[in-house]
C-alpha atoms as a PDB file:
ATOM      1  CA  MET A   1      -0.164  -0.123   0.096  1.00  0.00           C
ATOM      2  CA  ASP A   2       1.333   3.535  -0.887  1.00  0.00           C
ATOM      3  CA  CYS A   3       1.446   5.899   1.787  1.00  0.00           C
ATOM      4  CA  VAL A   4       0.070   8.980   0.858  1.00  0.00           C
ATOM      5  CA  ARG A   5      -0.505  12.110   3.305  1.00  0.00           C
ATOM      6  CA  ILE A   6      -4.067  13.454   2.936  1.00  0.00           C
ATOM      7  CA  PRO A   7      -4.608  17.062   4.337  1.00  0.00           C
ATOM      8  CA  ARG A   8      -8.460  17.252   4.861  1.00  0.00           C
ATOM      9  CA  LEU A   9      -7.983  16.274   8.424  1.00  0.00           C
ATOM     10  CA  GLN A  10      -7.911  19.754  10.384  1.00  0.00           C
ATOM     11  CA  ALA A  11      -7.695  19.844  13.933  1.00  0.00           C
ATOM     12  CA  ALA A  12      -7.824  22.721  16.320  1.00  0.00           C
ATOM     13  CA  GLY A  13      -6.655  22.900  20.213  1.00  0.00           C
ATOM     14  CA  VAL A  14      -9.211  24.058  22.014  1.00  0.00           C
ATOM     15  CA  SER A  15      -8.187  25.641  25.236  1.00  0.00           C
ATOM     16  CA  THR A  16     -11.308  27.791  26.365  1.00  0.00           C
ATOM     17  CA  LEU A  17     -14.721  26.581  25.771  1.00  0.00           C
ATOM     18  CA  PRO A  18     -17.367  26.477  28.458  1.00  0.00           C
ATOM     19  CA  VAL A  19     -18.325  22.904  29.135  1.00  0.00           C
ATOM     20  CA  PHE A  20     -19.990  18.883  29.445  1.00  0.00           C
ATOM     21  CA  THR A  21     -16.967  11.215  29.075  1.00  0.00           C
ATOM     22  CA  SER A  22     -16.819   8.742  26.957  1.00  0.00           C
ATOM     23  CA  GLY A  23     -18.910   5.561  26.747  1.00  0.00           C
ATOM     24  CA  LEU A  24     -20.170   5.711  23.208  1.00  0.00           C
ATOM     25  CA  ARG A  25     -21.022   2.098  22.795  1.00  0.00           C
ATOM     26  CA  LEU A  26     -18.167   0.842  20.948  1.00  0.00           C
ATOM     27  CA  ALA A  27     -17.516  -2.521  22.420  1.00  0.00           C
ATOM     28  CA  PRO A  28     -19.012  -4.449  19.416  1.00  0.00           C
ATOM     29  CA  LEU A  29     -16.570  -2.267  17.148  1.00  0.00           C
ATOM     30  CA  LEU A  30     -13.552  -3.180  18.707  1.00  0.00           C
ATOM     31  CA  PRO A  31     -12.419  -6.197  16.198  1.00  0.00           C
ATOM     32  CA  PRO A  32     -13.159  -4.150  13.232  1.00  0.00           C
ATOM     33  CA  LEU A  33     -11.400  -0.959  14.808  1.00  0.00           C
ATOM     34  CA  LEU A  34      -8.331  -3.197  15.591  1.00  0.00           C
ATOM     35  CA  ILE A  35      -8.293  -4.493  11.823  1.00  0.00           C
ATOM     36  CA  ALA A  36      -8.856  -0.729  10.657  1.00  0.00           C
ATOM     37  CA  TYR A  37      -5.491   0.323  13.038  1.00  0.00           C
ATOM     38  CA  ALA A  38      -3.639  -2.298  11.497  1.00  0.00           C
ATOM     39  CA  ALA A  39      -4.454  -1.489   7.835  1.00  0.00           C
ATOM     40  CA  TYR A  40      -3.611   2.057   8.224  1.00  0.00           C
ATOM     41  CA  GLU A  41      -0.732   1.886  10.775  1.00  0.00           C
ATOM     42  CA  GLU A  42       1.524   3.976   8.430  1.00  0.00           C
ATOM     43  CA  GLU A  43      -0.963   6.538   7.400  1.00  0.00           C
ATOM     44  CA  LEU A  44      -1.806   6.878  11.141  1.00  0.00           C
ATOM     45  CA  LYS A  45       1.813   7.441  12.325  1.00  0.00           C
ATOM     46  CA  GLY A  46       1.896  10.261   9.674  1.00  0.00           C
ATOM     47  CA  PHE A  47      -1.160  11.949  11.174  1.00  0.00           C
ATOM     48  CA  ARG A  48       0.109  11.821  14.519  1.00  0.00           C
ATOM     49  CA  GLU A  49       3.119  13.180  13.570  1.00  0.00           C
ATOM     50  CA  ASP A  50       1.614  15.983  11.758  1.00  0.00           C
ATOM     51  CA  ILE A  51      -0.826  16.930  14.493  1.00  0.00           C
ATOM     52  CA  SER A  52       1.334  16.950  17.440  1.00  0.00           C
ATOM     53  CA  TYR A  53      -0.442  18.128  20.872  1.00  0.00           C
ATOM     54  CA  VAL A  54      -0.741  21.813  21.109  1.00  0.00           C
ATOM     55  CA  LYS A  55       0.721  22.774  24.500  1.00  0.00           C
ATOM     56  CA  GLY A  56      -1.989  23.903  27.002  1.00  0.00           C
ATOM     57  CA  ALA A  57      -4.707  22.737  24.760  1.00  0.00           C
ATOM     58  CA  THR A  58      -7.688  21.055  26.850  1.00  0.00           C
ATOM     59  CA  GLY A  59      -9.557  19.773  23.783  1.00  0.00           C
ATOM     60  CA  LEU A  60      -9.338  18.768  20.285  1.00  0.00           C
ATOM     61  CA  ALA A  61     -11.822  19.314  17.494  1.00  0.00           C
ATOM     62  CA  ILE A  62     -11.612  17.247  14.316  1.00  0.00           C
ATOM     63  CA  ALA A  63     -13.149  18.124  10.930  1.00  0.00           C
ATOM     64  CA  ILE A  64     -13.366  15.886   7.665  1.00  0.00           C
ATOM     65  CA  ASP A  65     -14.699  17.314   4.251  1.00  0.00           C
ATOM     66  CA  GLY A  66     -14.953  20.625   6.134  1.00  0.00           C
ATOM     67  CA  ARG A  67     -17.393  19.376   8.701  1.00  0.00           C
ATOM     68  CA  VAL A  68     -16.561  19.030  12.430  1.00  0.00           C
ATOM     69  CA  ARG A  69     -16.958  15.259  13.330  1.00  0.00           C
ATOM     70  CA  SER A  70     -15.879  15.199  16.920  1.00  0.00           C
ATOM     71  CA  LEU A  71     -15.128  17.400  19.905  1.00  0.00           C
ATOM     72  CA  ASP A  72     -13.319  16.120  22.956  1.00  0.00           C
ATOM     73  CA  LEU A  73     -12.826  18.065  26.201  1.00  0.00           C
ATOM     74  CA  PHE A  74     -11.068  17.726  29.211  1.00  0.00           C
ATOM     75  CA  GLY A  75     -10.759  18.877  32.631  1.00  0.00           C
ATOM     76  CA  THR A  76      -7.169  19.343  32.473  1.00  0.00           C
ATOM     77  CA  ALA A  77      -4.384  20.052  29.586  1.00  0.00           C
ATOM     78  CA  GLN A  78      -2.372  17.200  31.125  1.00  0.00           C
ATOM     79  CA  ILE A  79      -5.094  14.591  30.588  1.00  0.00           C
ATOM     80  CA  CYS A  80      -5.538  16.059  26.896  1.00  0.00           C
ATOM     81  CA  SER A  81      -1.578  15.669  26.236  1.00  0.00           C
ATOM     82  CA  ARG A  82      -1.818  12.048  27.465  1.00  0.00           C
ATOM     83  CA  LEU A  83      -4.720  11.233  25.056  1.00  0.00           C
ATOM     84  CA  TRP A  84      -4.178  13.264  22.054  1.00  0.00           C
ATOM     85  CA  SER A  85      -2.688  11.081  19.869  1.00  0.00           C
ATOM     86  CA  ARG A  86      -5.575   8.315  20.244  1.00  0.00           C
ATOM     87  CA  LEU A  87      -7.788  11.203  19.803  1.00  0.00           C
ATOM     88  CA  VAL A  88      -6.170  12.032  16.301  1.00  0.00           C
ATOM     89  CA  ALA A  89      -6.022   8.225  15.324  1.00  0.00           C
ATOM     90  CA  GLY A  90      -9.576   7.497  16.123  1.00  0.00           C
ATOM     91  CA  LEU A  91     -11.029   9.701  13.520  1.00  0.00           C
ATOM     92  CA  ALA A  92      -7.837   9.620  10.992  1.00  0.00           C
ATOM     93  CA  ILE A  93      -8.923   6.480  10.000  1.00  0.00           C
ATOM     94  CA  GLU A  94     -12.427   7.946   8.695  1.00  0.00           C
ATOM     95  CA  ALA A  95     -10.526  10.530   6.905  1.00  0.00           C
ATOM     96  CA  LEU A  96      -8.106   8.065   5.392  1.00  0.00           C
ATOM     97  CA  ARG A  97     -11.601   6.470   3.957  1.00  0.00           C
ATOM     98  CA  ALA A  98     -13.333   9.517   2.988  1.00  0.00           C
ATOM     99  CA  ALA A  99     -13.096  10.858  -0.833  1.00  0.00           C
ATOM    100  CA  PRO A 100     -10.562  13.894  -1.542  1.00  0.00           C
ATOM    101  CA  SER A 101     -11.660  17.122  -0.332  1.00  0.00           C
ATOM    102  CA  ARG A 102     -10.706  21.007  -0.392  1.00  0.00           C
ATOM    103  CA  ALA A 103     -13.003  21.733   2.162  1.00  0.00           C
ATOM    104  CA  LYS A 104     -11.756  23.259   5.645  1.00  0.00           C
ATOM    105  CA  ALA A 105     -13.501  23.840   8.857  1.00  0.00           C
ATOM    106  CA  THR A 106     -13.033  27.055  10.650  1.00  0.00           C
ATOM    107  CA  SER A 107     -12.687  27.651  14.674  1.00  0.00           C
ATOM    108  CA  GLU A 108     -16.364  29.279  13.857  1.00  0.00           C
ATOM    109  CA  ASP A 109     -17.457  25.861  12.826  1.00  0.00           C
ATOM    110  CA  VAL A 110     -16.197  24.587  15.924  1.00  0.00           C
ATOM    111  CA  LEU A 111     -17.721  27.098  18.071  1.00  0.00           C
ATOM    112  CA  LYS A 112     -20.999  26.325  16.189  1.00  0.00           C
ATOM    113  CA  TYR A 113     -20.543  22.824  16.766  1.00  0.00           C
ATOM    114  CA  TRP A 114     -20.107  23.424  20.565  1.00  0.00           C
ATOM    115  CA  ALA A 115     -23.210  25.792  20.678  1.00  0.00           C
ATOM    116  CA  ASN A 116     -25.319  22.652  19.036  1.00  0.00           C
ATOM    117  CA  ILE A 117     -23.840  20.167  21.557  1.00  0.00           C
ATOM    118  CA  THR A 118     -25.160  22.302  24.568  1.00  0.00           C
ATOM    119  CA  GLN A 119     -28.548  22.279  22.957  1.00  0.00           C
ATOM    120  CA  TRP A 120     -28.793  18.395  22.846  1.00  0.00           C
ATOM    121  CA  PRO A 121     -31.108  16.563  25.270  1.00  0.00           C
ATOM    122  CA  TRP A 122     -28.602  15.514  27.988  1.00  0.00           C
ATOM    123  CA  GLU A 123     -29.680  12.939  30.417  1.00  0.00           C
ATOM    124  CA  ALA A 124     -27.974  11.607  33.475  1.00  0.00           C
ATOM    125  CA  VAL A 125     -27.096   8.071  33.421  1.00  0.00           C
ATOM    126  CA  THR A 126     -25.658   5.547  36.053  1.00  0.00           C
ATOM    127  CA  THR A 127     -22.061   6.061  36.528  1.00  0.00           C
ATOM    128  CA  VAL A 128     -19.818   3.061  36.407  1.00  0.00           C
ATOM    129  CA  GLY A 129     -17.316   4.853  38.705  1.00  0.00           C
ATOM    130  CA  GLU A 130     -17.042   7.858  40.615  1.00  0.00           C
ATOM    131  CA  GLY A 131     -18.911  11.333  39.531  1.00  0.00           C
ATOM    132  CA  GLN A 132     -21.673  12.127  37.461  1.00  0.00           C
ATOM    133  CA  GLU A 133     -22.233  10.797  33.724  1.00  0.00           C
ATOM    134  CA  TYR A 134     -24.548  12.374  31.043  1.00  0.00           C
ATOM    135  CA  ARG A 135     -25.260  11.302  27.624  1.00  0.00           C
ATOM    136  CA  ALA A 136     -27.188  12.706  24.608  1.00  0.00           C
ATOM    137  CA  ASP A 137     -27.935  11.794  21.080  1.00  0.00           C
ATOM    138  CA  SER A 138     -28.687  14.645  18.643  1.00  0.00           C
ATOM    139  CA  GLN A 139     -31.548  14.581  15.981  1.00  0.00           C
ATOM    140  CA  GLN A 140     -28.751  14.432  13.299  1.00  0.00           C
ATOM    141  CA  GLY A 141     -27.439  11.332  14.943  1.00  0.00           C
ATOM    142  CA  ASP A 142     -24.463  12.564  16.814  1.00  0.00           C
ATOM    143  CA  GLN A 143     -23.668  11.094  20.249  1.00  0.00           C
ATOM    144  CA  GLY A 144     -22.191  12.737  23.184  1.00  0.00           C
ATOM    145  CA  SER A 145     -21.409  11.561  26.578  1.00  0.00           C
ATOM    146  CA  ALA A 146     -19.605  13.689  29.560  1.00  0.00           C
ATOM    147  CA  LEU A 147     -18.463  13.072  33.183  1.00  0.00           C
ATOM    148  CA  PHE A 148     -18.268  15.441  36.088  1.00  0.00           C
ATOM    149  CA  TYR A 149     -16.758  14.727  39.131  1.00  0.00           C
ATOM    150  CA  ASP A 150     -17.030  17.563  42.214  1.00  0.00           C
ATOM    151  CA  GLY A 151     -19.045  19.616  39.904  1.00  0.00           C
ATOM    152  CA  LYS A 152     -16.135  20.076  37.474  1.00  0.00           C
ATOM    153  CA  LEU A 153     -15.694  18.473  33.855  1.00  0.00           C
ATOM    154  CA  VAL A 154     -13.713  15.366  33.553  1.00  0.00           C
ATOM    155  CA  TYR A 155     -14.125  14.777  29.902  1.00  0.00           C
ATOM    156  CA  LEU A 156     -16.817  15.443  27.119  1.00  0.00           C
ATOM    157  CA  SER A 157     -17.031  13.616  23.910  1.00  0.00           C
ATOM    158  CA  ALA A 158     -19.053  14.574  20.980  1.00  0.00           C
ATOM    159  CA  VAL A 159     -18.845  12.510  17.789  1.00  0.00           C
ATOM    160  CA  GLY A 160     -20.967  12.956  14.877  1.00  0.00           C
ATOM    161  CA  PRO A 161     -22.767  10.067  12.847  1.00  0.00           C
ATOM    162  CA  VAL A 162     -20.832   7.853  10.551  1.00  0.00           C
ATOM    163  CA  VAL A 163     -20.794   9.342   7.014  1.00  0.00           C
ATOM    164  CA  SER A 164     -21.006   6.428   4.432  1.00  0.00           C
ATOM    165  CA  ASN A 165     -18.712   7.345   1.231  1.00  0.00           C
ATOM    166  CA  SER A 166     -20.698   4.906  -0.947  1.00  0.00           C
END
C-alpha cells in the first residue's frame, strides 16, 4: 500500500470553551477497529506526527471534509496531552477512507458545533465509577457523553454520525 498524505484532516486545539466522557457504546466495534488500525498503521503514524499536541490545549476538534466530526474536551491540559494521539488516530481512519476534499473547517465551525452540543437533550445515566455521567443523542445522529466529578468537567466527547462514502 502506498503511503499518501491526505491534508483534509484539520485539528484545532481548544483551550477555552465552556463545558459537558466517554462511553459511546463502542464494544461491538473493537475487532473491526483493530483491523482498521492495522491496515492504516503507516498513515496513522503520519497523522500523529503532523498533528502534535498543542501545549496548554484542553481539547481537540477534528473536521473531515469541512465538517466538524468530533469534539473532545478535558478537565485539564495534562489529561488532554496524554490522550491526544489516540484522539487523532480515531478519526484519522475515517479521514483516510473519505473522498479527497478541499473543504476546511474553521474555529467558527467548532464554536457552532459546541453551541449545538449544549442544546442536545442531555440525560443523567448511572455512572460506573465516581462522578456524574450524562449522555445525549442529537436529532442529526451525533452522540455525546460527559463526565463530571465534584461539579467539574473530567471529559466530554461528542461524535458526529458515521458518514458513508458509498
